[in-house]
Amino acid sequence: QVQLQESGPGLVSPSQTLSLTCTVSGGSITTKTYYWGWIRQPPGKGLEWIGHIGYSGSVLYGPSLKSRTSISRDTSKNQFTLQLTSVSPEDTAVYYCARMNAGTGTYRDWGQGTQVTVSS
């Protein structure tokens, strides 16, 4: 049973860079057919897909945040990370990491989520 756990600061100042890490256990991030994604949910709004990194290391970003997003991985630690630059209060949200099976195209396994607030 794969488990995902987000970690990172809960408070980020405006214009700074938000950095989150997802630690994966019970499965390898290099296992073929899986993609590892970041999704967020601002207060009172729906889920927004940020992007993912694939088992080969390839990355794909959503259009709305693409210019400010970077997703990378550390295979030795079985972790992948999200960096979002130049944050503003509009980036306040619960951030989730999740695993997608390429065959189904759905995110079935999720972390519990972590609240990130952008405020001075």
Protein backbone atom coordinates (compact mmCIF):
# COMPACT_ATOMS: atom_id res chain seq x y z
CA GLN A 1 0.00 0.00 0.00
CA VAL A 2 1.64 3.22 -1.15
CA GLN A 3 1.61 6.18 1.22
CA LEU A 4 2.37 9.81 0.44
CA GLN A 5 3.20 12.51 2.96
CA GLU A 6 3.57 16.21 2.25
CA SER A 7 5.96 18.36 4.25
CA GLY A 8 7.03 21.98 4.20
CA PRO A 9 6.40 25.36 5.79
CA GLY A 10 2.83 26.29 6.57
CA LEU A 11 3.45 30.01 6.18
CA VAL A 12 5.20 31.72 3.29
CA SER A 13 5.75 35.44 2.79
CA PRO A 14 4.50 37.12 -0.39
CA SER A 15 7.00 37.15 -3.29
CA GLN A 16 8.93 34.25 -1.78
CA THR A 17 9.19 30.68 -3.05
CA LEU A 18 6.92 27.95 -1.73
CA SER A 19 8.72 24.61 -1.40
CA LEU A 20 7.00 21.34 -0.53
CA THR A 21 8.26 17.79 -0.44
CA CYS A 22 6.29 14.58 -0.87
CA THR A 23 7.81 11.50 0.72
CA VAL A 24 6.63 8.21 -0.74
CA SER A 25 6.64 4.88 1.07
CA GLY A 26 5.40 1.48 -0.01
CA GLY A 27 6.31 2.08 -3.64
CA SER A 28 9.07 3.54 -5.78
CA ILE A 29 8.68 6.80 -7.70
CA THR A 30 10.58 5.17 -10.57
CA THR A 31 8.05 2.37 -11.02
CA LYS A 32 6.80 2.38 -14.59
CA THR A 33 3.29 3.63 -15.42
CA TYR A 34 2.99 5.92 -12.41
CA TYR A 35 3.03 9.70 -12.36
CA TRP A 36 3.47 11.76 -9.22
CA GLY A 37 1.51 14.94 -9.04
CA TRP A 38 0.78 18.08 -7.07
CA ILE A 39 -2.76 19.37 -6.70
CA ARG A 40 -4.07 22.23 -4.60
CA GLN A 41 -7.39 23.48 -3.29
CA PRO A 42 -7.76 27.16 -2.40
CA PRO A 43 -10.33 27.99 0.27
CA GLY A 44 -13.85 27.80 -1.09
CA LYS A 45 -12.67 26.60 -4.52
CA GLY A 46 -12.22 23.37 -6.37
CA LEU A 47 -9.13 21.27 -6.95
CA GLU A 48 -6.46 22.67 -9.24
CA TRP A 49 -3.89 20.43 -10.87
CA ILE A 50 -0.40 21.95 -10.67
CA GLY A 51 1.67 19.35 -12.49
CA HIS A 52 3.36 15.98 -12.28
CA ILE A 53 6.63 14.17 -12.69
CA GLY A 54 6.71 10.78 -14.32
CA TYR A 55 8.58 7.60 -13.52
CA SER A 56 11.22 8.56 -16.10
CA GLY A 57 11.63 12.05 -14.67
CA SER A 58 9.60 13.81 -17.34
CA VAL A 59 7.51 16.73 -16.09
CA LEU A 60 4.28 18.33 -17.19
CA TYR A 61 2.78 21.49 -15.75
CA GLY A 62 -0.71 22.92 -15.73
CA PRO A 63 -1.14 26.06 -17.82
CA SER A 64 -2.23 28.44 -15.08
CA LEU A 65 0.89 28.08 -12.91
CA LYS A 66 3.40 26.84 -15.46
CA SER A 67 5.58 29.96 -15.46
CA ARG A 68 6.10 29.76 -11.69
CA THR A 69 6.26 25.99 -11.13
CA SER A 70 9.09 23.51 -10.89
CA ILE A 71 8.71 19.84 -9.94
CA SER A 72 11.75 17.68 -9.32
CA ARG A 73 12.62 14.44 -7.57
CA ASP A 74 15.25 12.71 -5.46
CA THR A 75 15.14 9.03 -6.29
CA SER A 76 17.62 8.17 -3.51
CA LYS A 77 15.11 9.47 -0.96
CA ASN A 78 12.00 8.43 -2.90
CA GLN A 79 10.76 12.02 -2.75
CA PHE A 80 9.50 14.59 -5.20
CA THR A 81 9.26 18.31 -4.63
CA LEU A 82 7.24 21.32 -5.68
CA GLN A 83 8.58 24.83 -5.96
CA LEU A 84 6.25 27.72 -6.68
CA THR A 85 7.92 31.09 -7.10
CA SER A 86 6.68 34.63 -6.51
CA VAL A 87 3.77 33.57 -4.36
CA SER A 88 0.88 35.83 -3.43
CA PRO A 89 -2.08 35.42 -1.06
CA GLU A 90 -3.95 33.83 -3.98
CA ASP A 91 -1.61 30.84 -3.63
CA THR A 92 -3.00 30.09 -0.17
CA ALA A 93 -4.40 26.57 -0.36
CA VAL A 94 -4.23 23.01 0.85
CA TYR A 95 -1.56 21.33 -1.23
CA TYR A 96 -1.74 17.61 -1.97
CA CYS A 97 0.67 15.16 -3.53
CA ALA A 98 -0.82 12.16 -5.28
CA ARG A 99 -0.08 9.19 -7.50
CA MET A 100 -1.66 8.62 -10.88
CA ASN A 101 -1.73 5.39 -12.83
CA ALA A 102 -1.08 6.24 -16.45
CA GLY A 103 -3.44 3.51 -17.55
CA THR A 104 -6.46 4.99 -15.78
CA GLY A 105 -5.42 8.63 -15.80
CA THR A 106 -6.79 9.11 -12.32
CA TYR A 107 -5.17 10.04 -9.03
CA ARG A 108 -6.17 7.27 -6.67
CA ASP A 109 -3.56 7.59 -3.93
CA TRP A 110 -3.29 10.89 -2.06
CA GLY A 111 -1.39 12.43 0.78
CA GLN A 112 -3.37 13.99 3.60
CA GLY A 113 -2.63 17.49 2.35
CA THR A 114 -0.82 20.38 3.92
CA GLN A 115 -2.13 23.90 4.49
CA VAL A 116 0.04 26.66 3.07
CA THR A 117 -0.81 30.26 3.85
CA VAL A 118 0.81 33.16 2.03
CA SER A 119 0.84 36.18 4.28
CA SER A 120 3.16 38.82 5.61
